[in-house]
Amino acid sequence: MAERSLRGTNLSTLSHESDEGVTFSERQMVRYECANGHMIELPFSVEAEVPALWECRCGAEAKLIDGPEPERKAVKPQRTHWDMLLERRSIPELEELLEERLTLLRASRGVKPKSKRSA
């Protein structure tokens, strides 16, 4: 079995190509600063579109220095369970359901129903 294995190559880390004749694209150094004061300097191709925001090593968003203000996406308000419930039922329907369930619960416990109070 040893005769069948590949020898002399490292499958993923070693390239057998040389850098001769390769022309690299022009680069620009772009600087970002996060809210915590960290400075990030990254190389980008001159042809590449430079993002207005970059994630800092601390996890905060870093803004492009001397760049345009980043576009903020419209954030939809988060819908709660109560909001979704109100889409399906009205308040009077919910009060009626609550009263039905409380009556059933009281009946199973053997508690006499109280007289309805008006608000």
Protein backbone atom coordinates (compact mmCIF):
# COMPACT_ATOMS: atom_id res chain seq x y z
CA MET A 1 0.00 0.00 0.00
CA ALA A 2 2.92 2.36 0.64
CA GLU A 3 3.85 2.16 -3.06
CA ARG A 4 0.45 3.59 -4.06
CA SER A 5 0.46 6.72 -1.87
CA LEU A 6 1.48 10.13 -3.20
CA ARG A 7 4.84 11.27 -2.01
CA GLY A 8 6.64 14.57 -2.14
CA THR A 9 3.61 16.83 -2.33
CA ASN A 10 1.79 18.80 0.26
CA LEU A 11 -1.75 18.84 -1.08
CA SER A 12 -2.97 22.26 -0.01
CA THR A 13 -0.20 24.57 1.12
CA LEU A 14 2.52 24.44 -1.52
CA SER A 15 2.21 25.91 -5.00
CA HIS A 16 4.56 24.73 -7.73
CA GLU A 17 3.94 27.85 -9.84
CA SER A 18 6.42 30.69 -9.91
CA ASP A 19 5.67 34.42 -9.80
CA GLU A 20 7.58 35.08 -13.02
CA GLY A 21 5.58 36.96 -15.63
CA VAL A 22 2.71 37.71 -13.26
CA THR A 23 1.58 41.32 -13.18
CA PHE A 24 -0.33 42.34 -10.10
CA SER A 25 -3.15 44.85 -10.33
CA GLU A 26 -2.64 48.32 -8.93
CA ARG A 27 -3.53 48.58 -5.28
CA GLN A 28 -4.74 51.30 -2.98
CA MET A 29 -4.54 51.31 0.80
CA VAL A 30 -7.88 52.08 2.44
CA ARG A 31 -8.26 53.05 6.10
CA TYR A 32 -11.19 52.33 8.39
CA GLU A 33 -11.85 53.42 11.98
CA CYS A 34 -14.30 51.79 14.40
CA ALA A 35 -16.17 53.40 17.30
CA ASN A 36 -13.62 51.91 19.73
CA GLY A 37 -10.76 53.80 18.07
CA HIS A 38 -9.20 50.86 16.21
CA MET A 39 -7.59 51.73 12.87
CA ILE A 40 -7.67 49.17 10.05
CA GLU A 41 -5.63 49.56 6.88
CA LEU A 42 -6.49 47.20 4.02
CA PRO A 43 -5.24 46.85 0.45
CA PHE A 44 -7.85 46.92 -2.32
CA SER A 45 -7.50 46.79 -6.05
CA VAL A 46 -7.89 50.17 -7.73
CA GLU A 47 -10.68 48.64 -9.83
CA ALA A 48 -12.55 47.22 -6.81
CA GLU A 49 -15.52 48.93 -5.22
CA VAL A 50 -14.46 49.86 -1.70
CA PRO A 51 -17.13 49.10 0.94
CA ALA A 52 -18.18 51.96 3.21
CA LEU A 53 -18.24 49.64 6.26
CA TRP A 54 -15.84 46.92 7.41
CA GLU A 55 -16.07 44.63 10.42
CA CYS A 56 -13.37 45.49 12.96
CA ARG A 57 -11.41 42.86 14.88
CA CYS A 58 -13.42 43.80 17.99
CA GLY A 59 -16.69 43.05 16.18
CA ALA A 60 -17.83 46.67 15.79
CA GLU A 61 -18.49 48.31 12.44
CA ALA A 62 -15.61 50.37 11.14
CA LYS A 63 -16.34 53.33 8.83
CA LEU A 64 -14.29 54.33 5.83
CA ILE A 65 -12.14 57.35 6.69
CA ASP A 66 -12.78 60.31 4.34
CA GLY A 67 -15.39 58.26 2.53
CA PRO A 68 -19.09 58.71 1.87
CA GLU A 69 -21.53 58.09 4.71
CA PRO A 70 -22.73 54.47 4.49
CA GLU A 71 -26.30 53.88 3.32
CA ARG A 72 -28.50 52.60 6.10
CA LYS A 73 -31.04 49.96 5.22
CA ALA A 74 -34.59 50.51 6.36
CA VAL A 75 -35.21 48.27 9.35
CA LYS A 76 -38.66 46.80 9.70
CA PRO A 77 -40.04 46.99 13.22
CA GLN A 78 -39.99 43.62 14.89
CA ARG A 79 -43.41 42.01 15.23
CA THR A 80 -44.15 40.52 18.62
CA HIS A 81 -46.44 37.59 19.38
CA TRP A 82 -49.03 40.09 20.61
CA ASP A 83 -48.92 41.95 17.26
CA MET A 84 -49.44 38.73 15.33
CA LEU A 85 -52.30 37.73 17.64
CA LEU A 86 -54.02 41.08 17.08
CA GLU A 87 -53.80 40.47 13.33
CA ARG A 88 -55.97 37.37 13.77
CA ARG A 89 -58.34 38.39 16.59
CA SER A 90 -59.92 41.57 17.91
CA ILE A 91 -59.80 42.60 21.59
CA PRO A 92 -63.49 41.68 22.19
CA GLU A 93 -62.87 38.22 20.67
CA LEU A 94 -59.85 37.74 22.92
CA GLU A 95 -61.82 38.78 26.01
CA GLU A 96 -64.57 36.31 25.09
CA LEU A 97 -62.04 33.49 24.63
CA LEU A 98 -60.38 34.33 27.93
CA GLU A 99 -63.70 34.23 29.75
CA GLU A 100 -64.55 30.84 28.17
CA ARG A 101 -61.20 29.35 29.19
CA LEU A 102 -61.44 30.75 32.73
CA THR A 103 -64.95 29.30 33.09
CA LEU A 104 -63.69 25.87 31.99
CA LEU A 105 -60.74 26.10 34.36
CA ARG A 106 -62.91 27.10 37.30
CA ALA A 107 -65.39 24.31 36.51
CA SER A 108 -62.59 21.72 36.52
CA ARG A 109 -61.42 22.99 39.93
CA GLY A 110 -64.94 23.09 41.36
CA VAL A 111 -64.94 26.84 41.93
CA LYS A 112 -68.25 28.66 41.58
CA PRO A 113 -68.26 31.30 38.84
CA LYS A 114 -68.24 34.88 40.05
CA SER A 115 -70.84 37.32 38.86
CA LYS A 116 -69.69 39.54 36.00
CA ARG A 117 -68.59 42.97 37.01
CA SER A 118 -69.08 45.83 34.62
CA ALA A 119 -66.21 48.20 34.15
